[in-house]
Amino acid sequence: MISLFILIAIVCGAFYLLRWFLNTPAETISAMLRKSLWLFLGLLLIMLAISGKLNIIFAFIGSAIPLIAKNLPTILRLLGLVKTIKSNQQGQTSKPPVNPTAMNRQQALDILNLKSQASKQDIISAHKRLMQKLHPDKGGSEHLAKQINQAKELLLKDHEH
């Protein structure tokens, strides 16, 4: 009789977990799995330490792993290593700033797809239209965005004179 109740509880629990898994966003599931794995690891280390199978020192080290993992960004930030790691991952090197005079007027007109007699409003609207398509936040290239901005600056500067 008790076996039947345990079986029903297991089936209900599995059904609940399946429903939760299907209705929950992937980010939440991954966060919950990470937390569950850390909890399982901590409990396993504690059980091994209590049973005498694991030296108590190793249990303290193992129990400290989740704490270290949680606070690692703060520790690295305090040590000033985050900027170094991010710059190495992105492969950023110090690039000289873009010089607006390196581009001539015809190149700027070609980039913005404008005629030589374009008005200030034409320049601004062409820039806006292209940036909506090619902005780095929308999947565009940072290089193209810089060129578009440079072309706009050059043409607006020429338009003022």
C-alpha atoms as a PDB file:
ATOM      1  CA  MET A   1       0.000   0.000   0.000  1.00  0.00           C
ATOM      2  CA  ILE A   2       2.808   2.422   0.873  1.00  0.00           C
ATOM      3  CA  SER A   3       4.546   1.503  -2.371  1.00  0.00           C
ATOM      4  CA  LEU A   4       1.420   2.564  -4.272  1.00  0.00           C
ATOM      5  CA  PHE A   5       1.377   5.959  -2.546  1.00  0.00           C
ATOM      6  CA  ILE A   6       5.078   6.457  -3.290  1.00  0.00           C
ATOM      7  CA  LEU A   7       4.498   5.522  -6.937  1.00  0.00           C
ATOM      8  CA  ILE A   8       1.567   7.961  -7.204  1.00  0.00           C
ATOM      9  CA  ALA A   9       3.676  10.708  -5.597  1.00  0.00           C
ATOM     10  CA  ILE A  10       6.519  10.059  -8.047  1.00  0.00           C
ATOM     11  CA  VAL A  11       4.160  10.113 -11.054  1.00  0.00           C
ATOM     12  CA  CYS A  12       2.494  13.343  -9.861  1.00  0.00           C
ATOM     13  CA  GLY A  13       5.900  14.924  -9.215  1.00  0.00           C
ATOM     14  CA  ALA A  14       7.154  13.907 -12.656  1.00  0.00           C
ATOM     15  CA  PHE A  15       3.982  15.305 -14.271  1.00  0.00           C
ATOM     16  CA  TYR A  16       4.379  18.591 -12.377  1.00  0.00           C
ATOM     17  CA  LEU A  17       8.072  18.860 -13.366  1.00  0.00           C
ATOM     18  CA  LEU A  18       7.231  18.145 -17.004  1.00  0.00           C
ATOM     19  CA  ARG A  19       4.545  20.861 -17.043  1.00  0.00           C
ATOM     20  CA  TRP A  20       6.907  23.305 -15.372  1.00  0.00           C
ATOM     21  CA  PHE A  21       9.685  22.454 -17.841  1.00  0.00           C
ATOM     22  CA  LEU A  22       7.426  23.009 -20.863  1.00  0.00           C
ATOM     23  CA  ASN A  23       5.938  26.305 -19.605  1.00  0.00           C
ATOM     24  CA  THR A  24       9.088  27.983 -18.233  1.00  0.00           C
ATOM     25  CA  PRO A  25      11.555  30.131 -20.235  1.00  0.00           C
ATOM     26  CA  ALA A  26      14.938  28.588 -20.990  1.00  0.00           C
ATOM     27  CA  GLU A  27      16.848  31.164 -18.905  1.00  0.00           C
ATOM     28  CA  THR A  28      14.841  30.275 -15.792  1.00  0.00           C
ATOM     29  CA  ILE A  29      15.334  26.561 -16.383  1.00  0.00           C
ATOM     30  CA  SER A  30      19.096  26.932 -16.766  1.00  0.00           C
ATOM     31  CA  ALA A  31      19.295  29.047 -13.596  1.00  0.00           C
ATOM     32  CA  MET A  32      17.266  26.509 -11.648  1.00  0.00           C
ATOM     33  CA  LEU A  33      19.385  23.620 -12.950  1.00  0.00           C
ATOM     34  CA  ARG A  34      22.582  25.407 -11.909  1.00  0.00           C
ATOM     35  CA  LYS A  35      21.200  26.085  -8.438  1.00  0.00           C
ATOM     36  CA  SER A  36      19.993  22.496  -8.112  1.00  0.00           C
ATOM     37  CA  LEU A  37      23.351  21.089  -9.169  1.00  0.00           C
ATOM     38  CA  TRP A  38      25.186  23.292  -6.653  1.00  0.00           C
ATOM     39  CA  LEU A  39      22.732  22.235  -3.934  1.00  0.00           C
ATOM     40  CA  PHE A  40      23.150  18.566  -4.847  1.00  0.00           C
ATOM     41  CA  LEU A  41      26.940  18.903  -4.833  1.00  0.00           C
ATOM     42  CA  GLY A  42      26.898  20.607  -1.436  1.00  0.00           C
ATOM     43  CA  LEU A  43      24.568  18.005   0.077  1.00  0.00           C
ATOM     44  CA  LEU A  44      26.653  15.178  -1.393  1.00  0.00           C
ATOM     45  CA  LEU A  45      29.834  16.618   0.113  1.00  0.00           C
ATOM     46  CA  ILE A  46      28.147  17.054   3.493  1.00  0.00           C
ATOM     47  CA  MET A  47      26.834  13.471   3.416  1.00  0.00           C
ATOM     48  CA  LEU A  48      30.286  12.148   2.502  1.00  0.00           C
ATOM     49  CA  ALA A  49      31.869  14.168   5.311  1.00  0.00           C
ATOM     50  CA  ILE A  50      29.325  12.935   7.892  1.00  0.00           C
ATOM     51  CA  SER A  51      29.754   9.328   6.849  1.00  0.00           C
ATOM     52  CA  GLY A  52      33.529   9.654   7.185  1.00  0.00           C
ATOM     53  CA  LYS A  53      34.164   9.007   3.513  1.00  0.00           C
ATOM     54  CA  LEU A  54      35.482  12.500   2.937  1.00  0.00           C
ATOM     55  CA  ASN A  55      37.915  14.501   4.960  1.00  0.00           C
ATOM     56  CA  ILE A  56      36.173  17.446   6.659  1.00  0.00           C
ATOM     57  CA  ILE A  57      38.598  19.912   5.072  1.00  0.00           C
ATOM     58  CA  PHE A  58      37.509  18.847   1.604  1.00  0.00           C
ATOM     59  CA  ALA A  59      33.903  19.273   2.659  1.00  0.00           C
ATOM     60  CA  PHE A  60      34.552  22.888   3.673  1.00  0.00           C
ATOM     61  CA  ILE A  61      36.342  23.537   0.383  1.00  0.00           C
ATOM     62  CA  GLY A  62      33.504  21.931  -1.558  1.00  0.00           C
ATOM     63  CA  SER A  63      30.900  23.893   0.368  1.00  0.00           C
ATOM     64  CA  ALA A  64      32.768  27.118  -0.379  1.00  0.00           C
ATOM     65  CA  ILE A  65      32.639  26.543  -4.161  1.00  0.00           C
ATOM     66  CA  PRO A  66      29.084  27.906  -4.598  1.00  0.00           C
ATOM     67  CA  LEU A  67      29.948  30.926  -2.453  1.00  0.00           C
ATOM     68  CA  ILE A  68      33.058  31.635  -4.521  1.00  0.00           C
ATOM     69  CA  ALA A  69      31.172  31.111  -7.796  1.00  0.00           C
ATOM     70  CA  LYS A  70      28.455  33.533  -6.679  1.00  0.00           C
ATOM     71  CA  ASN A  71      30.919  36.231  -5.640  1.00  0.00           C
ATOM     72  CA  LEU A  72      33.542  35.718  -8.356  1.00  0.00           C
ATOM     73  CA  PRO A  73      32.482  38.774 -10.436  1.00  0.00           C
ATOM     74  CA  THR A  74      32.722  40.984  -7.358  1.00  0.00           C
ATOM     75  CA  ILE A  75      36.117  39.565  -6.434  1.00  0.00           C
ATOM     76  CA  LEU A  76      37.436  40.064  -9.975  1.00  0.00           C
ATOM     77  CA  ARG A  77      36.016  43.591 -10.109  1.00  0.00           C
ATOM     78  CA  LEU A  78      37.787  44.423  -6.862  1.00  0.00           C
ATOM     79  CA  LEU A  79      41.024  43.083  -8.260  1.00  0.00           C
ATOM     80  CA  GLY A  80      40.524  45.051 -11.486  1.00  0.00           C
ATOM     81  CA  LEU A  81      40.689  41.973 -13.666  1.00  0.00           C
ATOM     82  CA  VAL A  82      37.290  42.232 -15.342  1.00  0.00           C
ATOM     83  CA  LYS A  83      38.362  44.951 -17.778  1.00  0.00           C
ATOM     84  CA  THR A  84      41.501  43.020 -18.681  1.00  0.00           C
ATOM     85  CA  ILE A  85      39.567  39.807 -19.308  1.00  0.00           C
ATOM     86  CA  LYS A  86      36.859  41.532 -21.362  1.00  0.00           C
ATOM     87  CA  SER A  87      39.367  43.403 -23.502  1.00  0.00           C
ATOM     88  CA  ASN A  88      41.271  40.177 -24.182  1.00  0.00           C
ATOM     89  CA  GLN A  89      38.073  38.323 -25.096  1.00  0.00           C
ATOM     90  CA  GLN A  90      36.942  41.039 -27.475  1.00  0.00           C
ATOM     91  CA  GLY A  91      40.423  41.422 -28.930  1.00  0.00           C
ATOM     92  CA  GLN A  92      40.204  45.162 -28.610  1.00  0.00           C
ATOM     93  CA  THR A  93      43.285  47.109 -29.426  1.00  0.00           C
ATOM     94  CA  SER A  94      43.585  50.816 -29.106  1.00  0.00           C
ATOM     95  CA  LYS A  95      42.440  52.123 -32.467  1.00  0.00           C
ATOM     96  CA  PRO A  96      42.919  55.724 -33.455  1.00  0.00           C
ATOM     97  CA  PRO A  97      39.702  57.744 -33.590  1.00  0.00           C
ATOM     98  CA  VAL A  98      38.004  58.068 -36.947  1.00  0.00           C
ATOM     99  CA  ASN A  99      39.106  61.191 -38.767  1.00  0.00           C
ATOM    100  CA  PRO A 100      36.175  62.908 -40.533  1.00  0.00           C
ATOM    101  CA  THR A 101      38.489  64.453 -43.134  1.00  0.00           C
ATOM    102  CA  ALA A 102      39.731  61.045 -44.349  1.00  0.00           C
ATOM    103  CA  MET A 103      36.533  60.675 -46.391  1.00  0.00           C
ATOM    104  CA  ASN A 104      35.806  62.952 -49.316  1.00  0.00           C
ATOM    105  CA  ARG A 105      32.417  64.426 -50.190  1.00  0.00           C
ATOM    106  CA  GLN A 106      31.703  62.023 -53.048  1.00  0.00           C
ATOM    107  CA  GLN A 107      32.380  58.987 -50.843  1.00  0.00           C
ATOM    108  CA  ALA A 108      30.061  60.383 -48.189  1.00  0.00           C
ATOM    109  CA  LEU A 109      27.325  60.942 -50.771  1.00  0.00           C
ATOM    110  CA  ASP A 110      27.784  57.385 -52.057  1.00  0.00           C
ATOM    111  CA  ILE A 111      27.594  55.901 -48.553  1.00  0.00           C
ATOM    112  CA  LEU A 112      24.360  57.746 -47.779  1.00  0.00           C
ATOM    113  CA  ASN A 113      23.077  57.176 -51.338  1.00  0.00           C
ATOM    114  CA  LEU A 114      22.434  60.886 -51.931  1.00  0.00           C
ATOM    115  CA  LYS A 115      22.744  63.301 -54.860  1.00  0.00           C
ATOM    116  CA  SER A 116      25.287  66.142 -54.733  1.00  0.00           C
ATOM    117  CA  GLN A 117      22.552  68.762 -54.146  1.00  0.00           C
ATOM    118  CA  ALA A 118      21.093  66.970 -51.078  1.00  0.00           C
ATOM    119  CA  SER A 119      19.554  69.197 -48.416  1.00  0.00           C
ATOM    120  CA  LYS A 120      20.314  69.063 -44.711  1.00  0.00           C
ATOM    121  CA  GLN A 121      17.009  67.225 -44.113  1.00  0.00           C
ATOM    122  CA  ASP A 122      17.899  64.680 -46.846  1.00  0.00           C
ATOM    123  CA  ILE A 123      21.234  63.983 -45.154  1.00  0.00           C
ATOM    124  CA  ILE A 124      19.625  63.527 -41.737  1.00  0.00           C
ATOM    125  CA  SER A 125      16.837  61.272 -43.036  1.00  0.00           C
ATOM    126  CA  ALA A 126      19.272  59.121 -45.095  1.00  0.00           C
ATOM    127  CA  HIS A 127      21.478  58.750 -42.029  1.00  0.00           C
ATOM    128  CA  LYS A 128      18.515  57.801 -39.842  1.00  0.00           C
ATOM    129  CA  ARG A 129      17.222  55.273 -42.386  1.00  0.00           C
ATOM    130  CA  LEU A 130      20.602  53.564 -42.736  1.00  0.00           C
ATOM    131  CA  MET A 131      21.294  53.530 -38.999  1.00  0.00           C
ATOM    132  CA  GLN A 132      17.950  51.880 -38.338  1.00  0.00           C
ATOM    133  CA  LYS A 133      19.053  49.039 -40.611  1.00  0.00           C
ATOM    134  CA  LEU A 134      22.771  48.841 -39.869  1.00  0.00           C
ATOM    135  CA  HIS A 135      23.173  49.848 -36.222  1.00  0.00           C
ATOM    136  CA  PRO A 136      25.393  47.435 -34.236  1.00  0.00           C
ATOM    137  CA  ASP A 137      22.613  46.914 -31.672  1.00  0.00           C
ATOM    138  CA  LYS A 138      20.405  45.598 -34.482  1.00  0.00           C
ATOM    139  CA  GLY A 139      23.011  43.182 -35.812  1.00  0.00           C
ATOM    140  CA  GLY A 140      24.841  45.620 -38.072  1.00  0.00           C
ATOM    141  CA  SER A 141      28.540  46.223 -38.337  1.00  0.00           C
ATOM    142  CA  GLU A 142      30.303  48.702 -36.088  1.00  0.00           C
ATOM    143  CA  HIS A 143      32.550  49.649 -39.012  1.00  0.00           C
ATOM    144  CA  LEU A 144      29.581  50.485 -41.257  1.00  0.00           C
ATOM    145  CA  ALA A 145      27.931  52.515 -38.505  1.00  0.00           C
ATOM    146  CA  LYS A 146      31.132  54.541 -38.089  1.00  0.00           C
ATOM    147  CA  GLN A 147      31.299  55.179 -41.817  1.00  0.00           C
ATOM    148  CA  ILE A 148      27.659  56.274 -41.920  1.00  0.00           C
ATOM    149  CA  ASN A 149      28.203  58.634 -38.991  1.00  0.00           C
ATOM    150  CA  GLN A 150      31.381  59.973 -40.576  1.00  0.00           C
ATOM    151  CA  ALA A 151      29.587  60.593 -43.884  1.00  0.00           C
ATOM    152  CA  LYS A 152      26.771  62.455 -42.108  1.00  0.00           C
ATOM    153  CA  GLU A 153      29.219  64.627 -40.159  1.00  0.00           C
ATOM    154  CA  LEU A 154      31.187  65.463 -43.284  1.00  0.00           C
ATOM    155  CA  LEU A 155      28.123  66.347 -45.355  1.00  0.00           C
ATOM    156  CA  LEU A 156      26.516  68.411 -42.596  1.00  0.00           C
ATOM    157  CA  LYS A 157      29.804  70.258 -42.058  1.00  0.00           C
ATOM    158  CA  ASP A 158      30.039  70.959 -45.799  1.00  0.00           C
ATOM    159  CA  HIS A 159      26.372  71.998 -45.856  1.00  0.00           C
ATOM    160  CA  GLU A 160      26.988  74.656 -43.177  1.00  0.00           C
ATOM    161  CA  HIS A 161      29.753  76.312 -45.216  1.00  0.00           C
END
